[in-house]
């Protein structure tokens, strides 16, 4: 496939993901995993997990970051631009229309009930996204200790999530001892 055709395919794929997934970045992860890893085989499950981790640690919305990384992997800078535009355009259009109509519809009961249902469904999508990331995760005792400590620090001690990610990365580097040439 030529780069131009790849870029068009990337744009269409991410536009579809952006248009038909509700609930934000984490809710989109299962759809991206299905599309990019299982169907199109543009990236591997391990690459997906790594890109999700980097996207989470990078400033900005996880979905925009992930689209940029995936697009870049598939077709370089043009792919990154097309993936990013593809995922942003549907949300931009939808939020513009919603913002124009919100005053008129926010007090309607069916809108309030719709949001109750949407919130419940989004929770399920977030849990599924956790499963997607977990499947690609290292299952060593060390990894489970890091997961447990990170959960404890963020959920119960309200620690800064970025600091926890940085500390986890440092611990991973120290644990792997790359400077001794044991693992390349």
N, C-alpha and C. Protein backbone atom coordinates (compact mmCIF):
# COMPACT_ATOMS: atom_id res chain seq x y z
N UNK A 1 0.85 -1.18 0.00
CA UNK A 1 0.00 0.00 0.00
C UNK A 1 0.89 1.24 0.00
N UNK A 2 0.61 2.18 -0.90
CA UNK A 2 1.38 3.41 -0.96
C UNK A 2 1.10 4.26 0.26
N UNK A 3 2.04 5.18 0.55
CA UNK A 3 1.90 6.02 1.74
C UNK A 3 0.62 6.87 1.69
N UNK A 4 0.26 7.38 0.49
CA UNK A 4 -0.95 8.19 0.36
C UNK A 4 -2.18 7.35 0.71
N UNK A 5 -2.23 6.12 0.18
CA UNK A 5 -3.35 5.23 0.47
C UNK A 5 -3.38 4.85 1.95
N UNK A 6 -2.20 4.64 2.53
CA UNK A 6 -2.12 4.34 3.96
C UNK A 6 -2.67 5.50 4.78
N UNK A 7 -2.28 6.71 4.41
CA UNK A 7 -2.73 7.89 5.15
C UNK A 7 -4.25 8.05 5.07
N UNK A 8 -4.82 7.79 3.91
CA UNK A 8 -6.28 7.86 3.77
C UNK A 8 -6.94 6.79 4.63
N UNK A 9 -6.38 5.58 4.60
CA UNK A 9 -6.92 4.48 5.42
C UNK A 9 -6.80 4.80 6.91
N UNK A 10 -5.68 5.38 7.30
CA UNK A 10 -5.48 5.77 8.71
C UNK A 10 -6.51 6.81 9.11
N UNK A 11 -6.69 7.84 8.28
CA UNK A 11 -7.67 8.89 8.58
C UNK A 11 -9.07 8.30 8.74
N UNK A 12 -9.49 7.48 7.78
CA UNK A 12 -10.83 6.88 7.83
C UNK A 12 -11.00 6.01 9.07
N UNK A 13 -9.98 5.22 9.38
CA UNK A 13 -10.07 4.33 10.54
C UNK A 13 -10.20 5.12 11.83
N UNK A 14 -9.36 6.13 12.01
CA UNK A 14 -9.42 6.91 13.24
C UNK A 14 -10.66 7.80 13.29
N UNK A 15 -11.14 8.23 12.14
CA UNK A 15 -12.38 9.01 12.13
C UNK A 15 -13.55 8.12 12.58
N UNK A 16 -13.56 6.88 12.12
CA UNK A 16 -14.60 5.94 12.54
C UNK A 16 -14.51 5.69 14.05
N UNK A 17 -13.31 5.50 14.55
CA UNK A 17 -13.12 5.30 15.99
C UNK A 17 -13.58 6.53 16.76
N UNK A 18 -13.18 7.70 16.29
CA UNK A 18 -13.57 8.94 16.96
C UNK A 18 -15.06 9.21 16.91
N UNK A 19 -15.71 8.78 15.84
CA UNK A 19 -17.13 9.06 15.67
C UNK A 19 -18.03 8.08 16.42
N UNK A 20 -17.58 6.86 16.60
CA UNK A 20 -18.47 5.84 17.15
C UNK A 20 -18.09 5.33 18.53
N UNK A 21 -17.16 5.99 19.18
CA UNK A 21 -16.78 5.59 20.53
C UNK A 21 -17.08 6.73 21.48
N UNK A 22 -17.85 6.44 22.51
CA UNK A 22 -18.21 7.44 23.50
C UNK A 22 -17.51 7.13 24.81
N UNK A 23 -17.19 8.17 25.56
CA UNK A 23 -16.62 7.97 26.88
C UNK A 23 -15.17 8.35 27.00
N UNK A 24 -14.57 8.90 25.97
CA UNK A 24 -13.20 9.36 26.09
C UNK A 24 -12.18 8.33 25.67
N UNK A 25 -10.92 8.67 25.90
CA UNK A 25 -9.80 7.88 25.43
C UNK A 25 -9.78 6.44 25.87
N UNK A 26 -10.01 6.19 27.14
CA UNK A 26 -9.95 4.82 27.64
C UNK A 26 -11.05 3.96 27.05
N UNK A 27 -12.20 4.56 26.79
CA UNK A 27 -13.30 3.82 26.18
C UNK A 27 -12.97 3.45 24.73
N UNK A 28 -12.07 4.22 24.10
CA UNK A 28 -11.70 3.96 22.71
C UNK A 28 -10.67 2.84 22.58
N UNK A 29 -9.96 2.54 23.64
CA UNK A 29 -8.87 1.56 23.56
C UNK A 29 -9.29 0.21 23.01
N UNK A 30 -10.40 -0.38 23.46
CA UNK A 30 -10.78 -1.68 22.89
C UNK A 30 -11.04 -1.62 21.39
N UNK A 31 -11.63 -0.53 20.93
CA UNK A 31 -11.91 -0.39 19.50
C UNK A 31 -10.61 -0.23 18.70
N UNK A 32 -9.68 0.53 19.24
CA UNK A 32 -8.38 0.70 18.57
C UNK A 32 -7.64 -0.63 18.53
N UNK A 33 -7.65 -1.34 19.65
CA UNK A 33 -6.96 -2.63 19.71
C UNK A 33 -7.55 -3.59 18.69
N UNK A 34 -8.87 -3.65 18.60
CA UNK A 34 -9.52 -4.54 17.64
C UNK A 34 -9.16 -4.15 16.21
N UNK A 35 -9.21 -2.86 15.92
CA UNK A 35 -8.97 -2.38 14.57
C UNK A 35 -7.49 -2.47 14.17
N UNK A 36 -6.62 -1.92 15.01
CA UNK A 36 -5.20 -1.79 14.66
C UNK A 36 -4.41 -3.10 14.82
N UNK A 37 -4.73 -3.86 15.87
CA UNK A 37 -3.96 -5.07 16.18
C UNK A 37 -4.59 -6.30 15.52
N UNK A 38 -5.87 -6.52 15.76
CA UNK A 38 -6.50 -7.76 15.31
C UNK A 38 -6.91 -7.73 13.84
N UNK A 39 -7.56 -6.66 13.39
CA UNK A 39 -8.08 -6.64 12.02
C UNK A 39 -7.03 -6.21 11.00
N UNK A 40 -6.48 -5.03 11.14
CA UNK A 40 -5.56 -4.49 10.14
C UNK A 40 -4.11 -4.95 10.34
N UNK A 41 -3.81 -5.38 11.57
CA UNK A 41 -2.46 -5.84 11.93
C UNK A 41 -1.39 -4.78 11.62
N UNK A 42 -1.75 -3.52 11.86
CA UNK A 42 -0.81 -2.42 11.66
C UNK A 42 0.21 -2.36 12.79
N UNK A 43 -0.19 -2.76 13.99
CA UNK A 43 0.72 -2.80 15.13
C UNK A 43 0.48 -4.10 15.89
N UNK A 44 1.47 -4.48 16.71
CA UNK A 44 1.33 -5.68 17.53
C UNK A 44 0.68 -5.32 18.87
N UNK A 45 0.26 -6.33 19.60
CA UNK A 45 -0.33 -6.10 20.92
C UNK A 45 0.69 -5.46 21.86
N UNK A 46 1.94 -5.90 21.75
CA UNK A 46 3.00 -5.32 22.59
C UNK A 46 3.22 -3.84 22.25
N UNK A 47 3.24 -3.52 20.95
CA UNK A 47 3.39 -2.12 20.54
C UNK A 47 2.21 -1.29 21.05
N UNK A 48 1.01 -1.86 20.98
CA UNK A 48 -0.18 -1.17 21.47
C UNK A 48 -0.03 -0.85 22.96
N UNK A 49 0.39 -1.83 23.74
CA UNK A 49 0.57 -1.62 25.18
C UNK A 49 1.61 -0.55 25.44
N UNK A 50 2.72 -0.60 24.72
CA UNK A 50 3.77 0.41 24.89
C UNK A 50 3.26 1.80 24.51
N UNK A 51 2.52 1.89 23.41
CA UNK A 51 2.00 3.19 22.97
C UNK A 51 0.97 3.74 23.94
N UNK A 52 0.16 2.87 24.53
CA UNK A 52 -0.81 3.32 25.54
C UNK A 52 -0.06 3.88 26.75
N UNK A 53 0.99 3.18 27.18
CA UNK A 53 1.77 3.65 28.34
C UNK A 53 2.41 5.00 28.05
N UNK A 54 3.00 5.15 26.87
CA UNK A 54 3.63 6.42 26.51
C UNK A 54 2.57 7.52 26.38
N UNK A 55 1.43 7.18 25.78
CA UNK A 55 0.35 8.16 25.60
C UNK A 55 -0.18 8.65 26.93
N UNK A 56 -0.25 7.76 27.90
CA UNK A 56 -0.73 8.13 29.24
C UNK A 56 0.27 9.05 29.93
N UNK A 57 1.55 8.80 29.72
CA UNK A 57 2.59 9.57 30.40
C UNK A 57 2.89 10.90 29.70
N UNK A 58 2.40 11.07 28.48
CA UNK A 58 2.65 12.28 27.71
C UNK A 58 1.53 13.29 27.95
N UNK A 59 1.86 14.58 28.08
CA UNK A 59 0.80 15.58 28.27
C UNK A 59 -0.20 15.58 27.12
N UNK A 60 -1.45 15.80 27.44
CA UNK A 60 -2.50 15.86 26.44
C UNK A 60 -3.44 14.67 26.55
N UNK A 61 -4.52 14.71 25.78
CA UNK A 61 -5.50 13.62 25.82
C UNK A 61 -4.89 12.31 25.32
N UNK A 62 -5.14 11.24 26.04
CA UNK A 62 -4.54 9.95 25.71
C UNK A 62 -4.89 9.52 24.28
N UNK A 63 -6.11 9.77 23.85
CA UNK A 63 -6.53 9.32 22.53
C UNK A 63 -5.81 10.07 21.42
N UNK A 64 -5.61 11.36 21.58
CA UNK A 64 -4.89 12.14 20.58
C UNK A 64 -3.43 11.67 20.54
N UNK A 65 -2.83 11.49 21.71
CA UNK A 65 -1.45 11.01 21.77
C UNK A 65 -1.31 9.64 21.12
N UNK A 66 -2.24 8.73 21.46
CA UNK A 66 -2.18 7.37 20.92
C UNK A 66 -2.36 7.38 19.40
N UNK A 67 -3.31 8.15 18.91
CA UNK A 67 -3.52 8.25 17.46
C UNK A 67 -2.26 8.75 16.77
N UNK A 68 -1.62 9.74 17.37
CA UNK A 68 -0.39 10.29 16.80
C UNK A 68 0.71 9.24 16.75
N UNK A 69 0.89 8.50 17.84
CA UNK A 69 1.93 7.45 17.87
C UNK A 69 1.64 6.34 16.87
N UNK A 70 0.40 5.88 16.82
CA UNK A 70 0.04 4.79 15.90
C UNK A 70 0.20 5.26 14.45
N UNK A 71 -0.31 6.44 14.13
CA UNK A 71 -0.18 6.97 12.78
C UNK A 71 1.27 7.12 12.36
N UNK A 72 2.11 7.58 13.30
CA UNK A 72 3.54 7.73 13.03
C UNK A 72 4.20 6.38 12.76
N UNK A 73 3.83 5.38 13.51
CA UNK A 73 4.40 4.03 13.34
C UNK A 73 4.04 3.46 11.97
N UNK A 74 2.81 3.73 11.54
CA UNK A 74 2.32 3.14 10.29
C UNK A 74 2.83 3.89 9.06
N UNK A 75 2.83 5.24 9.10
CA UNK A 75 3.15 6.01 7.89
C UNK A 75 3.94 7.28 8.17
N UNK A 76 4.72 7.29 9.24
CA UNK A 76 5.56 8.45 9.53
C UNK A 76 4.76 9.68 9.92
N UNK A 77 5.34 10.85 9.69
CA UNK A 77 4.70 12.12 10.07
C UNK A 77 3.35 12.31 9.37
N UNK A 78 3.23 12.04 8.05
CA UNK A 78 1.90 12.18 7.44
C UNK A 78 0.85 11.28 8.09
N UNK A 79 1.25 10.08 8.47
CA UNK A 79 0.33 9.16 9.15
C UNK A 79 -0.08 9.69 10.51
N UNK A 80 0.88 10.28 11.23
CA UNK A 80 0.59 10.86 12.54
C UNK A 80 -0.42 12.00 12.41
N UNK A 81 -0.23 12.84 11.41
CA UNK A 81 -1.15 13.97 11.19
C UNK A 81 -2.54 13.46 10.82
N UNK A 82 -2.62 12.49 9.93
CA UNK A 82 -3.92 11.98 9.49
C UNK A 82 -4.65 11.26 10.62
N UNK A 83 -3.94 10.48 11.42
CA UNK A 83 -4.56 9.79 12.55
C UNK A 83 -5.09 10.79 13.57
N UNK A 84 -4.29 11.79 13.86
CA UNK A 84 -4.69 12.81 14.83
C UNK A 84 -5.91 13.58 14.34
N UNK A 85 -5.88 14.01 13.09
CA UNK A 85 -7.05 14.71 12.52
C UNK A 85 -8.27 13.80 12.51
N UNK A 86 -8.07 12.55 12.13
CA UNK A 86 -9.18 11.61 12.07
C UNK A 86 -9.88 11.42 13.40
N UNK A 87 -9.11 11.36 14.48
CA UNK A 87 -9.71 11.13 15.79
C UNK A 87 -10.30 12.41 16.38
N UNK A 88 -9.79 13.57 15.96
CA UNK A 88 -10.26 14.85 16.52
C UNK A 88 -11.51 15.37 15.80
N UNK A 89 -11.59 15.24 14.49
CA UNK A 89 -12.67 15.85 13.71
C UNK A 89 -14.07 15.46 14.21
N UNK A 90 -14.37 14.18 14.44
CA UNK A 90 -15.73 13.85 14.91
C UNK A 90 -16.08 14.51 16.25
N UNK A 91 -15.15 14.49 17.18
CA UNK A 91 -15.40 15.11 18.49
C UNK A 91 -15.58 16.61 18.36
N UNK A 92 -14.75 17.24 17.55
CA UNK A 92 -14.85 18.68 17.34
C UNK A 92 -16.23 19.05 16.78
N UNK A 93 -16.66 18.32 15.77
CA UNK A 93 -17.98 18.60 15.17
C UNK A 93 -19.10 18.35 16.18
N UNK A 94 -19.03 17.23 16.88
CA UNK A 94 -20.09 16.88 17.84
C UNK A 94 -20.16 17.89 18.97
N UNK A 95 -19.03 18.26 19.53
CA UNK A 95 -19.03 19.18 20.68
C UNK A 95 -19.48 20.57 20.25
N UNK A 96 -19.17 20.96 19.03
CA UNK A 96 -19.64 22.26 18.52
C UNK A 96 -21.16 22.27 18.42
N UNK A 97 -21.74 21.21 17.89
CA UNK A 97 -23.20 21.12 17.78
C UNK A 97 -23.84 21.05 19.17
N UNK A 98 -23.28 20.24 20.05
CA UNK A 98 -23.83 20.11 21.41
C UNK A 98 -23.77 21.44 22.15
N UNK A 99 -22.65 22.14 22.02
CA UNK A 99 -22.51 23.43 22.70
C UNK A 99 -23.56 24.42 22.22
N UNK A 100 -23.88 24.38 20.94
CA UNK A 100 -24.89 25.29 20.40
C UNK A 100 -26.29 24.94 20.90
N UNK A 101 -26.53 23.67 21.20
CA UNK A 101 -27.87 23.21 21.60
C UNK A 101 -28.03 22.99 23.10
N UNK A 102 -26.96 23.01 23.87
CA UNK A 102 -27.00 22.57 25.26
C UNK A 102 -28.01 23.33 26.11
N UNK A 103 -28.09 24.62 25.96
CA UNK A 103 -29.04 25.39 26.78
C UNK A 103 -30.47 24.93 26.55
N UNK A 104 -30.79 24.61 25.31
CA UNK A 104 -32.16 24.21 25.00
C UNK A 104 -32.49 22.79 25.46
N UNK A 105 -31.51 21.90 25.49
CA UNK A 105 -31.82 20.49 25.78
C UNK A 105 -31.41 20.00 27.16
N UNK A 106 -30.58 20.76 27.88
CA UNK A 106 -30.03 20.26 29.15
C UNK A 106 -31.08 19.99 30.22
N UNK A 107 -32.22 20.66 30.17
CA UNK A 107 -33.26 20.45 31.17
C UNK A 107 -34.26 19.36 30.78
N UNK A 108 -34.15 18.83 29.60
CA UNK A 108 -35.08 17.78 29.16
C UNK A 108 -34.76 16.47 29.87
N UNK A 109 -35.79 15.82 30.39
CA UNK A 109 -35.59 14.59 31.16
C UNK A 109 -34.93 13.48 30.34
N UNK A 110 -35.31 13.34 29.07
CA UNK A 110 -34.71 12.26 28.29
C UNK A 110 -33.20 12.46 28.13
N UNK A 111 -32.74 13.71 28.11
CA UNK A 111 -31.30 13.98 28.03
C UNK A 111 -30.63 13.55 29.33
N UNK A 112 -31.24 13.88 30.46
CA UNK A 112 -30.68 13.47 31.76
C UNK A 112 -30.62 11.95 31.86
N UNK A 113 -31.68 11.26 31.43
CA UNK A 113 -31.70 9.79 31.48
C UNK A 113 -30.69 9.20 30.50
N UNK A 114 -30.53 9.84 29.36
CA UNK A 114 -29.53 9.36 28.39
C UNK A 114 -28.14 9.39 29.01
N UNK A 115 -27.83 10.46 29.75
CA UNK A 115 -26.51 10.56 30.38
C UNK A 115 -26.32 9.51 31.47
N UNK A 116 -27.39 9.12 32.16
CA UNK A 116 -27.29 8.04 33.15
C UNK A 116 -26.85 6.76 32.45
N UNK A 117 -27.48 6.45 31.33
CA UNK A 117 -27.13 5.26 30.57
C UNK A 117 -25.74 5.33 29.97
N UNK A 118 -25.38 6.49 29.45
CA UNK A 118 -24.06 6.66 28.85
C UNK A 118 -22.97 6.47 29.89
N UNK A 119 -23.13 7.06 31.07
CA UNK A 119 -22.12 6.92 32.13
C UNK A 119 -21.94 5.46 32.52
N UNK A 120 -23.04 4.72 32.63
CA UNK A 120 -22.95 3.31 32.98
C UNK A 120 -22.19 2.52 31.91
N UNK A 121 -22.50 2.78 30.65
CA UNK A 121 -21.83 2.08 29.56
C UNK A 121 -20.36 2.46 29.47
N UNK A 122 -20.03 3.71 29.73
CA UNK A 122 -18.64 4.16 29.69
C UNK A 122 -17.81 3.43 30.74
N UNK A 123 -18.38 3.20 31.91
CA UNK A 123 -17.67 2.46 32.96
C UNK A 123 -17.27 1.08 32.45
N UNK A 124 -18.18 0.41 31.75
CA UNK A 124 -17.88 -0.91 31.19
C UNK A 124 -16.75 -0.80 30.17
N UNK A 125 -16.78 0.22 29.32
CA UNK A 125 -15.73 0.40 28.32
C UNK A 125 -14.37 0.66 28.97
N UNK A 126 -14.35 1.40 30.06
CA UNK A 126 -13.09 1.66 30.77
C UNK A 126 -12.55 0.36 31.36
N UNK A 127 -13.43 -0.45 31.94
CA UNK A 127 -12.99 -1.75 32.49
C UNK A 127 -12.44 -2.63 31.37
N UNK A 128 -13.10 -2.62 30.21
CA UNK A 128 -12.60 -3.40 29.07
C UNK A 128 -11.23 -2.88 28.62
N UNK A 129 -11.05 -1.57 28.64
CA UNK A 129 -9.75 -0.98 28.27
C UNK A 129 -8.66 -1.45 29.22
N UNK A 130 -8.99 -1.58 30.50
CA UNK A 130 -8.02 -2.11 31.46
C UNK A 130 -7.61 -3.51 31.04
N UNK A 131 -8.58 -4.31 30.60
CA UNK A 131 -8.27 -5.66 30.13
C UNK A 131 -7.35 -5.67 28.93
N UNK A 132 -7.57 -4.75 28.00
CA UNK A 132 -6.72 -4.65 26.81
C UNK A 132 -5.28 -4.36 27.21
N UNK A 133 -5.10 -3.40 28.09
CA UNK A 133 -3.75 -3.03 28.53
C UNK A 133 -3.13 -4.17 29.34
N UNK A 134 -3.93 -4.81 30.20
CA UNK A 134 -3.41 -5.89 31.05
C UNK A 134 -2.92 -7.07 30.21
N UNK A 135 -3.65 -7.42 29.14
CA UNK A 135 -3.24 -8.55 28.31
C UNK A 135 -1.84 -8.36 27.74
N UNK A 136 -1.48 -7.13 27.42
CA UNK A 136 -0.16 -6.88 26.86
C UNK A 136 0.90 -6.59 27.90
N UNK A 137 0.52 -6.65 29.16
CA UNK A 137 1.40 -6.30 30.26
C UNK A 137 2.31 -7.47 30.66
N UNK A 138 3.48 -7.14 31.14
CA UNK A 138 4.39 -8.14 31.71
C UNK A 138 3.72 -8.73 32.94
N UNK A 139 3.75 -10.05 33.08
CA UNK A 139 3.06 -10.71 34.20
C UNK A 139 4.03 -11.21 35.27
N UNK A 140 5.16 -10.57 35.42
CA UNK A 140 6.13 -10.99 36.43
C UNK A 140 5.71 -10.52 37.82
N UNK A 141 6.33 -11.11 38.83
CA UNK A 141 6.07 -10.70 40.21
C UNK A 141 6.41 -9.22 40.37
N UNK A 142 7.51 -8.79 39.77
CA UNK A 142 7.91 -7.38 39.84
C UNK A 142 6.82 -6.48 39.27
N UNK A 143 6.26 -6.86 38.11
CA UNK A 143 5.21 -6.04 37.49
C UNK A 143 3.97 -5.96 38.38
N UNK A 144 3.61 -7.08 39.01
CA UNK A 144 2.46 -7.06 39.92
C UNK A 144 2.72 -6.18 41.15
N UNK A 145 3.93 -6.18 41.64
CA UNK A 145 4.28 -5.31 42.77
C UNK A 145 4.14 -3.85 42.36
N UNK A 146 4.66 -3.50 41.18
CA UNK A 146 4.55 -2.13 40.67
C UNK A 146 3.08 -1.75 40.49
N UNK A 147 2.27 -2.66 39.90
CA UNK A 147 0.84 -2.38 39.72
C UNK A 147 0.16 -2.11 41.06
N UNK A 148 0.44 -2.97 42.03
CA UNK A 148 -0.17 -2.82 43.35
C UNK A 148 0.23 -1.53 44.03
N UNK A 149 1.53 -1.22 43.98
CA UNK A 149 2.00 0.02 44.60
C UNK A 149 1.42 1.25 43.91
N UNK A 150 1.38 1.22 42.58
CA UNK A 150 0.82 2.35 41.83
C UNK A 150 -0.65 2.55 42.17
N UNK A 151 -1.41 1.46 42.22
CA UNK A 151 -2.82 1.55 42.58
C UNK A 151 -2.99 2.11 43.99
N UNK A 152 -2.20 1.60 44.91
CA UNK A 152 -2.26 2.05 46.30
C UNK A 152 -1.95 3.55 46.40
N UNK A 153 -0.87 3.97 45.75
CA UNK A 153 -0.46 5.38 45.82
C UNK A 153 -1.49 6.32 45.19
N UNK A 154 -1.99 5.96 44.02
CA UNK A 154 -2.91 6.85 43.31
C UNK A 154 -4.32 6.81 43.90
N UNK A 155 -4.82 5.60 44.16
CA UNK A 155 -6.22 5.47 44.60
C UNK A 155 -6.43 5.83 46.07
N UNK A 156 -5.47 5.47 46.92
CA UNK A 156 -5.69 5.65 48.35
C UNK A 156 -4.92 6.81 48.97
N UNK A 157 -3.81 7.18 48.36
CA UNK A 157 -3.02 8.29 48.91
C UNK A 157 -3.05 9.52 48.01
N UNK A 158 -3.86 9.46 46.93
CA UNK A 158 -4.04 10.59 46.03
C UNK A 158 -2.71 11.12 45.48
N UNK A 159 -1.77 10.22 45.24
CA UNK A 159 -0.46 10.61 44.71
C UNK A 159 -0.62 11.10 43.27
N UNK A 160 0.28 11.95 42.85
CA UNK A 160 0.30 12.46 41.49
C UNK A 160 0.59 11.30 40.53
N UNK A 161 -0.34 11.05 39.60
CA UNK A 161 -0.22 9.91 38.69
C UNK A 161 1.03 10.01 37.81
N UNK A 162 1.39 11.20 37.38
CA UNK A 162 2.58 11.38 36.55
C UNK A 162 3.83 11.00 37.33
N UNK A 163 3.90 11.42 38.59
CA UNK A 163 5.06 11.06 39.42
C UNK A 163 5.12 9.55 39.63
N UNK A 164 3.98 8.93 39.83
CA UNK A 164 3.94 7.47 40.00
C UNK A 164 4.44 6.79 38.73
N UNK A 165 4.04 7.28 37.55
CA UNK A 165 4.52 6.72 36.28
C UNK A 165 6.03 6.88 36.14
N UNK A 166 6.53 8.04 36.49
CA UNK A 166 7.98 8.28 36.39
C UNK A 166 8.74 7.35 37.33
N UNK A 167 8.26 7.24 38.56
CA UNK A 167 8.92 6.35 39.53
C UNK A 167 8.85 4.91 39.05
N UNK A 168 7.70 4.48 38.51
CA UNK A 168 7.57 3.12 38.00
C UNK A 168 8.54 2.87 36.85
N UNK A 169 8.70 3.86 35.98
CA UNK A 169 9.65 3.72 34.87
C UNK A 169 11.07 3.58 35.38
N UNK A 170 11.43 4.40 36.36
CA UNK A 170 12.78 4.32 36.95
C UNK A 170 13.00 2.96 37.60
N UNK A 171 12.01 2.50 38.35
CA UNK A 171 12.12 1.17 38.99
C UNK A 171 12.26 0.07 37.94
N UNK A 172 11.52 0.19 36.83
CA UNK A 172 11.64 -0.79 35.75
C UNK A 172 13.03 -0.81 35.14
N UNK A 173 13.61 0.37 34.97
CA UNK A 173 14.97 0.46 34.43
C UNK A 173 15.97 -0.14 35.41
N UNK A 174 15.86 0.23 36.67
CA UNK A 174 16.77 -0.29 37.69
C UNK A 174 16.64 -1.81 37.79
N UNK A 175 15.41 -2.30 37.78
CA UNK A 175 15.16 -3.74 37.91
C UNK A 175 15.74 -4.52 36.73
N UNK A 176 15.65 -3.94 35.53
CA UNK A 176 16.12 -4.65 34.34
C UNK A 176 17.63 -4.60 34.17
N UNK A 177 18.29 -3.68 34.86
CA UNK A 177 19.76 -3.53 34.82
C UNK A 177 20.31 -3.49 33.39
N UNK A 178 19.80 -2.59 32.54
CA UNK A 178 20.26 -2.56 31.15
C UNK A 178 21.73 -2.17 31.00
N UNK A 179 22.27 -1.45 31.97
CA UNK A 179 23.66 -1.02 31.87
C UNK A 179 24.63 -2.19 32.03
N UNK A 180 24.16 -3.33 32.52
CA UNK A 180 25.03 -4.50 32.66
C UNK A 180 24.94 -5.40 31.44
N UNK A 181 24.14 -5.01 30.45
CA UNK A 181 24.05 -5.77 29.21
C UNK A 181 23.25 -7.06 29.34
N UNK A 182 22.49 -7.22 30.43
CA UNK A 182 21.73 -8.45 30.63
C UNK A 182 20.51 -8.52 29.73
N UNK A 183 19.93 -7.38 29.43
CA UNK A 183 18.69 -7.36 28.64
C UNK A 183 18.76 -6.21 27.65
N UNK A 184 18.69 -6.53 26.40
CA UNK A 184 18.78 -5.48 25.38
C UNK A 184 17.49 -5.35 24.64
